All heavy atoms as atom14 arrays in JSON, in Angstrom:
{
  "sequence": "WYRQAPGKQRELVATITNGGSTVYAHSVKGRFTISRD",
  "atom14_mask": [
    [1, 1, 1, 1, 1, 1, 1, 1, 1, 1, 1, 1, 1, 1],
    [1, 1, 1, 1, 1, 1, 1, 1, 1, 1, 1, 1, 0, 0],
    [1, 1, 1, 1, 1, 1, 1, 1, 1, 1, 1, 0, 0, 0],
    [1, 1, 1, 1, 1, 1, 1, 1, 1, 0, 0, 0, 0, 0],
    [1, 1, 1, 1, 1, 0, 0, 0, 0, 0, 0, 0, 0, 0],
    [1, 1, 1, 1, 1, 1, 1, 0, 0, 0, 0, 0, 0, 0],
    [1, 1, 1, 1, 0, 0, 0, 0, 0, 0, 0, 0, 0, 0],
    [1, 1, 1, 1, 1, 1, 1, 1, 1, 0, 0, 0, 0, 0],
    [1, 1, 1, 1, 1, 1, 1, 1, 1, 0, 0, 0, 0, 0],
    [1, 1, 1, 1, 1, 1, 1, 1, 1, 1, 1, 0, 0, 0],
    [1, 1, 1, 1, 1, 1, 1, 1, 1, 0, 0, 0, 0, 0],
    [1, 1, 1, 1, 1, 1, 1, 1, 0, 0, 0, 0, 0, 0],
    [1, 1, 1, 1, 1, 1, 1, 0, 0, 0, 0, 0, 0, 0],
    [1, 1, 1, 1, 1, 0, 0, 0, 0, 0, 0, 0, 0, 0],
    [1, 1, 1, 1, 1, 1, 1, 0, 0, 0, 0, 0, 0, 0],
    [1, 1, 1, 1, 1, 1, 1, 1, 0, 0, 0, 0, 0, 0],
    [1, 1, 1, 1, 1, 1, 1, 0, 0, 0, 0, 0, 0, 0],
    [1, 1, 1, 1, 1, 1, 1, 1, 0, 0, 0, 0, 0, 0],
    [1, 1, 1, 1, 0, 0, 0, 0, 0, 0, 0, 0, 0, 0],
    [1, 1, 1, 1, 0, 0, 0, 0, 0, 0, 0, 0, 0, 0],
    [1, 1, 1, 1, 1, 1, 0, 0, 0, 0, 0, 0, 0, 0],
    [1, 1, 1, 1, 1, 1, 1, 0, 0, 0, 0, 0, 0, 0],
    [1, 1, 1, 1, 1, 1, 1, 0, 0, 0, 0, 0, 0, 0],
    [1, 1, 1, 1, 1, 1, 1, 1, 1, 1, 1, 1, 0, 0],
    [1, 1, 1, 1, 1, 0, 0, 0, 0, 0, 0, 0, 0, 0],
    [1, 1, 1, 1, 1, 1, 1, 1, 1, 1, 0, 0, 0, 0],
    [1, 1, 1, 1, 1, 1, 0, 0, 0, 0, 0, 0, 0, 0],
    [1, 1, 1, 1, 1, 1, 1, 0, 0, 0, 0, 0, 0, 0],
    [1, 1, 1, 1, 1, 1, 1, 1, 1, 0, 0, 0, 0, 0],
    [1, 1, 1, 1, 0, 0, 0, 0, 0, 0, 0, 0, 0, 0],
    [1, 1, 1, 1, 1, 1, 1, 1, 1, 1, 1, 0, 0, 0],
    [1, 1, 1, 1, 1, 1, 1, 1, 1, 1, 1, 0, 0, 0],
    [1, 1, 1, 1, 1, 1, 1, 0, 0, 0, 0, 0, 0, 0],
    [1, 1, 1, 1, 1, 1, 1, 1, 0, 0, 0, 0, 0, 0],
    [1, 1, 1, 1, 1, 1, 0, 0, 0, 0, 0, 0, 0, 0],
    [1, 1, 1, 1, 1, 1, 1, 1, 1, 1, 1, 0, 0, 0],
    [1, 1, 1, 1, 1, 1, 1, 1, 0, 0, 0, 0, 0, 0]
  ],
  "atom14_positions": [
    [[0.8, -1.21, 0.02], [0.05, -0.01, 0.0], [0.88, 1.29, -0.01], [1.87, 1.34, 0.7], [-0.9, 0.05, 1.28], [-1.9, -1.08, 1.26], [-1.71, -2.32, 1.81], [-3.19, -1.1, 0.67], [-2.85, -3.09, 1.62], [-3.78, -2.33, 0.96], [-3.93, -0.13, 0.0], [-5.06, -2.67, 0.54], [-5.18, -0.46, -0.42], [-5.77, -1.75, -0.19]],
    [[0.46, 2.19, -0.85], [1.02, 3.54, -0.83], [-0.11, 4.51, -0.56], [-1.29, 4.13, -0.65], [1.7, 3.87, -2.17], [3.02, 3.23, -2.38], [3.16, 1.82, -2.52], [4.2, 3.97, -2.46], [4.37, 1.24, -2.73], [5.42, 3.38, -2.65], [5.49, 2.05, -2.79], [6.76, 1.45, -2.97], [0.0, 0.0, 0.0], [0.0, 0.0, 0.0]],
    [[0.23, 5.69, -0.2], [-0.8, 6.72, 0.01], [-0.29, 8.06, -0.49], [0.87, 8.38, -0.52], [-1.21, 6.79, 1.46], [-0.17, 7.32, 2.4], [-0.62, 7.27, 3.87], [0.34, 7.82, 4.8], [0.25, 7.69, 6.15], [-0.82, 7.11, 6.68], [1.18, 8.24, 6.89], [0.0, 0.0, 0.0], [0.0, 0.0, 0.0], [0.0, 0.0, 0.0]],
    [[-1.27, 8.93, -0.84], [-0.94, 10.28, -1.26], [-1.94, 11.29, -0.66], [-3.11, 11.17, -0.87], [-0.98, 10.44, -2.78], [-0.52, 11.76, -3.31], [-0.2, 11.67, -4.8], [-0.78, 10.86, -5.53], [0.57, 12.65, -5.2], [0.0, 0.0, 0.0], [0.0, 0.0, 0.0], [0.0, 0.0, 0.0], [0.0, 0.0, 0.0], [0.0, 0.0, 0.0]],
    [[-1.39, 12.1, 0.25], [-2.23, 13.11, 0.88], [-2.2, 14.39, 0.01], [-1.3, 14.6, -0.82], [-1.67, 13.45, 2.27], [0.0, 0.0, 0.0], [0.0, 0.0, 0.0], [0.0, 0.0, 0.0], [0.0, 0.0, 0.0], [0.0, 0.0, 0.0], [0.0, 0.0, 0.0], [0.0, 0.0, 0.0], [0.0, 0.0, 0.0], [0.0, 0.0, 0.0]],
    [[-3.2, 15.22, 0.16], [-3.24, 16.51, -0.64], [-2.0, 17.3, -0.5], [-1.54, 17.52, 0.66], [-4.49, 17.2, 0.04], [-5.36, 16.09, 0.51], [-4.39, 15.07, 1.05], [0.0, 0.0, 0.0], [0.0, 0.0, 0.0], [0.0, 0.0, 0.0], [0.0, 0.0, 0.0], [0.0, 0.0, 0.0], [0.0, 0.0, 0.0], [0.0, 0.0, 0.0]],
    [[-1.43, 17.66, -1.55], [-0.25, 18.5, -1.59], [1.05, 17.78, -1.27], [2.12, 18.42, -1.16], [0.0, 0.0, 0.0], [0.0, 0.0, 0.0], [0.0, 0.0, 0.0], [0.0, 0.0, 0.0], [0.0, 0.0, 0.0], [0.0, 0.0, 0.0], [0.0, 0.0, 0.0], [0.0, 0.0, 0.0], [0.0, 0.0, 0.0], [0.0, 0.0, 0.0]],
    [[1.03, 16.53, -1.16], [2.19, 15.71, -0.81], [2.45, 14.6, -1.86], [1.58, 14.23, -2.61], [2.06, 15.08, 0.56], [1.94, 16.05, 1.7], [1.93, 15.35, 3.03], [1.88, 16.38, 4.16], [1.92, 15.71, 5.47], [0.0, 0.0, 0.0], [0.0, 0.0, 0.0], [0.0, 0.0, 0.0], [0.0, 0.0, 0.0], [0.0, 0.0, 0.0]],
    [[3.71, 14.12, -1.85], [4.1, 13.07, -2.78], [3.55, 11.76, -2.27], [3.31, 11.55, -1.1], [5.62, 12.96, -2.88], [6.22, 14.17, -3.52], [7.75, 13.97, -3.65], [8.39, 13.23, -2.93], [8.32, 14.6, -4.65], [0.0, 0.0, 0.0], [0.0, 0.0, 0.0], [0.0, 0.0, 0.0], [0.0, 0.0, 0.0], [0.0, 0.0, 0.0]],
    [[3.35, 10.8, -3.17], [2.95, 9.43, -2.85], [4.02, 8.8, -2.08], [5.24, 8.89, -2.36], [2.63, 8.68, -4.09], [2.0, 7.3, -3.78], [1.62, 6.59, -5.13], [0.55, 7.35, -5.78], [-0.1, 6.88, -6.86], [0.19, 5.68, -7.34], [-1.02, 7.63, -7.42], [0.0, 0.0, 0.0], [0.0, 0.0, 0.0], [0.0, 0.0, 0.0]],
    [[3.65, 8.11, -0.99], [4.62, 7.5, -0.06], [4.24, 6.1, 0.23], [3.11, 5.71, 0.27], [4.74, 8.29, 1.23], [3.52, 8.28, 2.07], [3.73, 8.97, 3.44], [4.89, 9.21, 3.78], [2.75, 9.15, 4.15], [0.0, 0.0, 0.0], [0.0, 0.0, 0.0], [0.0, 0.0, 0.0], [0.0, 0.0, 0.0], [0.0, 0.0, 0.0]],
    [[5.27, 5.26, 0.5], [5.09, 3.9, 0.9], [4.45, 3.87, 2.24], [4.84, 4.58, 3.16], [6.4, 3.11, 0.82], [6.35, 1.6, 1.22], [7.36, 0.88, 0.43], [6.6, 1.39, 2.71], [0.0, 0.0, 0.0], [0.0, 0.0, 0.0], [0.0, 0.0, 0.0], [0.0, 0.0, 0.0], [0.0, 0.0, 0.0], [0.0, 0.0, 0.0]],
    [[3.45, 2.97, 2.43], [2.83, 2.68, 3.71], [3.37, 1.3, 4.29], [3.84, 1.31, 5.39], [1.34, 2.7, 3.66], [0.71, 2.37, 5.01], [0.85, 4.07, 3.15], [0.0, 0.0, 0.0], [0.0, 0.0, 0.0], [0.0, 0.0, 0.0], [0.0, 0.0, 0.0], [0.0, 0.0, 0.0], [0.0, 0.0, 0.0], [0.0, 0.0, 0.0]],
    [[3.18, 0.31, 3.48], [3.6, -1.01, 3.86], [3.67, -1.92, 2.69], [2.87, -1.72, 1.71], [2.63, -1.62, 4.94], [0.0, 0.0, 0.0], [0.0, 0.0, 0.0], [0.0, 0.0, 0.0], [0.0, 0.0, 0.0], [0.0, 0.0, 0.0], [0.0, 0.0, 0.0], [0.0, 0.0, 0.0], [0.0, 0.0, 0.0], [0.0, 0.0, 0.0]],
    [[4.52, -2.9, 2.69], [4.61, -3.88, 1.66], [4.77, -5.27, 2.34], [5.25, -5.41, 3.44], [5.8, -3.66, 0.67], [7.02, -3.75, 1.41], [5.67, -2.34, -0.08], [0.0, 0.0, 0.0], [0.0, 0.0, 0.0], [0.0, 0.0, 0.0], [0.0, 0.0, 0.0], [0.0, 0.0, 0.0], [0.0, 0.0, 0.0], [0.0, 0.0, 0.0]],
    [[4.44, -6.27, 1.51], [4.63, -7.7, 2.01], [4.92, -8.55, 0.8], [4.4, -8.44, -0.29], [3.31, -8.19, 2.67], [3.51, -9.59, 3.29], [2.11, -8.1, 1.78], [2.36, -10.02, 4.22], [0.0, 0.0, 0.0], [0.0, 0.0, 0.0], [0.0, 0.0, 0.0], [0.0, 0.0, 0.0], [0.0, 0.0, 0.0], [0.0, 0.0, 0.0]],
    [[5.92, -9.42, 0.95], [6.33, -10.32, -0.09], [5.43, -11.54, -0.07], [4.73, -11.79, 0.94], [7.78, -10.73, -0.01], [8.0, -11.54, 1.19], [8.67, -9.48, 0.08], [0.0, 0.0, 0.0], [0.0, 0.0, 0.0], [0.0, 0.0, 0.0], [0.0, 0.0, 0.0], [0.0, 0.0, 0.0], [0.0, 0.0, 0.0], [0.0, 0.0, 0.0]],
    [[5.55, -12.41, -1.05], [4.76, -13.62, -1.08], [5.3, -14.6, -0.02], [4.61, -15.61, 0.32], [4.77, -14.32, -2.46], [6.11, -14.53, -3.02], [7.14, -14.43, -2.34], [6.16, -14.86, -4.33], [0.0, 0.0, 0.0], [0.0, 0.0, 0.0], [0.0, 0.0, 0.0], [0.0, 0.0, 0.0], [0.0, 0.0, 0.0], [0.0, 0.0, 0.0]],
    [[6.47, -14.34, 0.54], [7.04, -15.17, 1.61], [6.6, -14.59, 3.01], [6.93, -15.25, 4.02], [0.0, 0.0, 0.0], [0.0, 0.0, 0.0], [0.0, 0.0, 0.0], [0.0, 0.0, 0.0], [0.0, 0.0, 0.0], [0.0, 0.0, 0.0], [0.0, 0.0, 0.0], [0.0, 0.0, 0.0], [0.0, 0.0, 0.0], [0.0, 0.0, 0.0]],
    [[5.96, -13.45, 3.04], [5.5, -12.88, 4.29], [6.32, -11.84, 4.94], [6.02, -11.29, 6.02], [0.0, 0.0, 0.0], [0.0, 0.0, 0.0], [0.0, 0.0, 0.0], [0.0, 0.0, 0.0], [0.0, 0.0, 0.0], [0.0, 0.0, 0.0], [0.0, 0.0, 0.0], [0.0, 0.0, 0.0], [0.0, 0.0, 0.0], [0.0, 0.0, 0.0]],
    [[7.47, -11.45, 4.32], [8.29, -10.4, 4.86], [7.64, -9.04, 4.68], [7.05, -8.74, 3.6], [9.65, -10.31, 4.13], [10.37, -11.56, 4.36], [0.0, 0.0, 0.0], [0.0, 0.0, 0.0], [0.0, 0.0, 0.0], [0.0, 0.0, 0.0], [0.0, 0.0, 0.0], [0.0, 0.0, 0.0], [0.0, 0.0, 0.0], [0.0, 0.0, 0.0]],
    [[7.66, -8.18, 5.65], [6.97, -6.94, 5.65], [7.92, -5.74, 5.89], [8.95, -5.87, 6.47], [5.88, -6.87, 6.74], [6.49, -7.07, 8.03], [4.84, -7.96, 6.53], [0.0, 0.0, 0.0], [0.0, 0.0, 0.0], [0.0, 0.0, 0.0], [0.0, 0.0, 0.0], [0.0, 0.0, 0.0], [0.0, 0.0, 0.0], [0.0, 0.0, 0.0]],
    [[7.49, -4.6, 5.35], [8.18, -3.34, 5.49], [7.07, -2.26, 5.8], [6.06, -2.25, 5.15], [8.95, -2.89, 4.25], [9.5, -1.47, 4.42], [10.07, -3.87, 4.01], [0.0, 0.0, 0.0], [0.0, 0.0, 0.0], [0.0, 0.0, 0.0], [0.0, 0.0, 0.0], [0.0, 0.0, 0.0], [0.0, 0.0, 0.0], [0.0, 0.0, 0.0]],
    [[7.31, -1.45, 6.84], [6.37, -0.38, 7.13], [7.08, 0.93, 7.21], [8.26, 1.07, 7.54], [5.85, -0.66, 8.55], [4.93, -1.9, 8.74], [5.46, -3.09, 9.12], [3.57, -1.75, 8.47], [4.66, -4.19, 9.23], [2.75, -2.89, 8.57], [3.3, -4.09, 8.96], [2.44, -5.15, 9.08], [0.0, 0.0, 0.0], [0.0, 0.0, 0.0]],
    [[6.3, 1.99, 6.83], [6.77, 3.31, 7.01], [6.88, 3.62, 8.51], [6.03, 3.12, 9.28], [5.81, 4.32, 6.35], [0.0, 0.0, 0.0], [0.0, 0.0, 0.0], [0.0, 0.0, 0.0], [0.0, 0.0, 0.0], [0.0, 0.0, 0.0], [0.0, 0.0, 0.0], [0.0, 0.0, 0.0], [0.0, 0.0, 0.0], [0.0, 0.0, 0.0]],
    [[7.85, 4.41, 8.86], [7.99, 4.74, 10.29], [6.78, 5.36, 10.86], [6.46, 5.08, 12.05], [9.21, 5.69, 10.5], [9.44, 6.01, 11.94], [8.98, 7.13, 12.51], [10.19, 5.37, 12.87], [9.38, 7.18, 13.73], [10.1, 6.15, 13.99], [0.0, 0.0, 0.0], [0.0, 0.0, 0.0], [0.0, 0.0, 0.0], [0.0, 0.0, 0.0]],
    [[6.08, 6.15, 10.12], [4.87, 6.85, 10.62], [3.69, 5.98, 10.94], [2.79, 6.32, 11.71], [4.44, 7.91, 9.59], [4.11, 7.3, 8.39], [0.0, 0.0, 0.0], [0.0, 0.0, 0.0], [0.0, 0.0, 0.0], [0.0, 0.0, 0.0], [0.0, 0.0, 0.0], [0.0, 0.0, 0.0], [0.0, 0.0, 0.0], [0.0, 0.0, 0.0]],
    [[3.68, 4.71, 10.39], [2.58, 3.83, 10.69], [2.91, 2.57, 11.46], [2.08, 1.86, 11.91], [1.87, 3.41, 9.38], [1.5, 4.59, 8.53], [2.76, 2.39, 8.56], [0.0, 0.0, 0.0], [0.0, 0.0, 0.0], [0.0, 0.0, 0.0], [0.0, 0.0, 0.0], [0.0, 0.0, 0.0], [0.0, 0.0, 0.0], [0.0, 0.0, 0.0]],
    [[4.22, 2.37, 11.69], [4.7, 1.16, 12.37], [4.13, 1.14, 13.77], [4.18, 2.1, 14.48], [6.21, 1.13, 12.4], [6.81, -0.19, 12.86], [8.26, -0.2, 12.64], [8.83, -1.59, 12.93], [10.36, -1.63, 12.77], [0.0, 0.0, 0.0], [0.0, 0.0, 0.0], [0.0, 0.0, 0.0], [0.0, 0.0, 0.0], [0.0, 0.0, 0.0]],
    [[3.56, 0.0, 14.13], [2.98, -0.16, 15.47], [1.44, 0.08, 15.45], [0.74, -0.25, 16.39], [0.0, 0.0, 0.0], [0.0, 0.0, 0.0], [0.0, 0.0, 0.0], [0.0, 0.0, 0.0], [0.0, 0.0, 0.0], [0.0, 0.0, 0.0], [0.0, 0.0, 0.0], [0.0, 0.0, 0.0], [0.0, 0.0, 0.0], [0.0, 0.0, 0.0]],
    [[0.95, 0.75, 14.33], [-0.47, 1.05, 14.25], [-1.15, 0.28, 13.11], [-2.31, -0.1, 13.26], [-0.69, 2.53, 14.01], [-0.19, 3.43, 15.16], [-0.56, 4.87, 14.98], [0.01, 5.44, 13.75], [-0.69, 5.94, 12.78], [-2.03, 5.96, 12.78], [-0.1, 6.47, 11.71], [0.0, 0.0, 0.0], [0.0, 0.0, 0.0], [0.0, 0.0, 0.0]],
    [[-0.36, 0.09, 12.02], [-0.96, -0.58, 10.88], [-0.3, -1.98, 10.74], [0.78, -2.22, 11.13], [-0.61, 0.18, 9.55], [-1.29, 1.47, 9.4], [-2.03, 2.07, 10.45], [-1.15, 2.17, 8.23], [-2.64, 3.3, 10.28], [-1.8, 3.42, 8.03], [-2.48, 3.94, 9.09], [0.0, 0.0, 0.0], [0.0, 0.0, 0.0], [0.0, 0.0, 0.0]],
    [[-1.1, -2.89, 10.22], [-0.62, -4.26, 9.96], [-1.05, -4.64, 8.58], [-2.21, -4.59, 8.18], [-1.19, -5.26, 11.0], [-0.84, -4.84, 12.29], [-0.67, -6.66, 10.75], [0.0, 0.0, 0.0], [0.0, 0.0, 0.0], [0.0, 0.0, 0.0], [0.0, 0.0, 0.0], [0.0, 0.0, 0.0], [0.0, 0.0, 0.0], [0.0, 0.0, 0.0]],
    [[-0.06, -5.16, 7.75], [-0.34, -5.65, 6.47], [-0.34, -7.16, 6.47], [0.48, -7.75, 7.19], [0.7, -5.06, 5.43], [0.3, -5.48, 3.97], [2.09, -5.64, 5.71], [1.05, -4.77, 2.9], [0.0, 0.0, 0.0], [0.0, 0.0, 0.0], [0.0, 0.0, 0.0], [0.0, 0.0, 0.0], [0.0, 0.0, 0.0], [0.0, 0.0, 0.0]],
    [[-1.24, -7.75, 5.73], [-1.32, -9.19, 5.69], [-1.69, -9.65, 4.29], [-2.13, -8.73, 3.43], [-2.29, -9.72, 6.7], [-3.6, -9.2, 6.53], [0.0, 0.0, 0.0], [0.0, 0.0, 0.0], [0.0, 0.0, 0.0], [0.0, 0.0, 0.0], [0.0, 0.0, 0.0], [0.0, 0.0, 0.0], [0.0, 0.0, 0.0], [0.0, 0.0, 0.0]],
    [[-1.66, -10.9, 4.0], [-1.85, -11.38, 2.67], [-2.54, -12.71, 2.72], [-2.11, -13.59, 3.52], [-0.49, -11.48, 1.93], [-0.62, -11.77, 0.46], [0.83, -11.58, -0.16], [0.84, -11.87, -1.55], [1.86, -11.6, -2.37], [2.97, -11.03, -1.83], [1.81, -11.86, -3.68], [0.0, 0.0, 0.0], [0.0, 0.0, 0.0], [0.0, 0.0, 0.0]],
    [[-3.55, -12.93, 1.92], [-4.24, -14.21, 1.8], [-3.96, -14.69, 0.37], [-4.6, -14.3, -0.57], [-5.76, -14.04, 2.03], [-6.47, -15.38, 2.07], [-5.96, -16.33, 1.47], [-7.5, -15.48, 2.67], [0.0, 0.0, 0.0], [0.0, 0.0, 0.0], [0.0, 0.0, 0.0], [0.0, 0.0, 0.0], [0.0, 0.0, 0.0], [0.0, 0.0, 0.0]]
  ]
}
C-alpha cells in the first residue's frame, strides 16, 4: 500500500512479499498491519 495526501508526494505505507516479509513506514509502524491471503 502507498498513500498520497493532498499537496504531498505518494509515499510507501507497507509492503509484503509472497513469503510474508513486511516493511512499514516509520509513521505507521505499530499502528498498521499488512497481511496477505
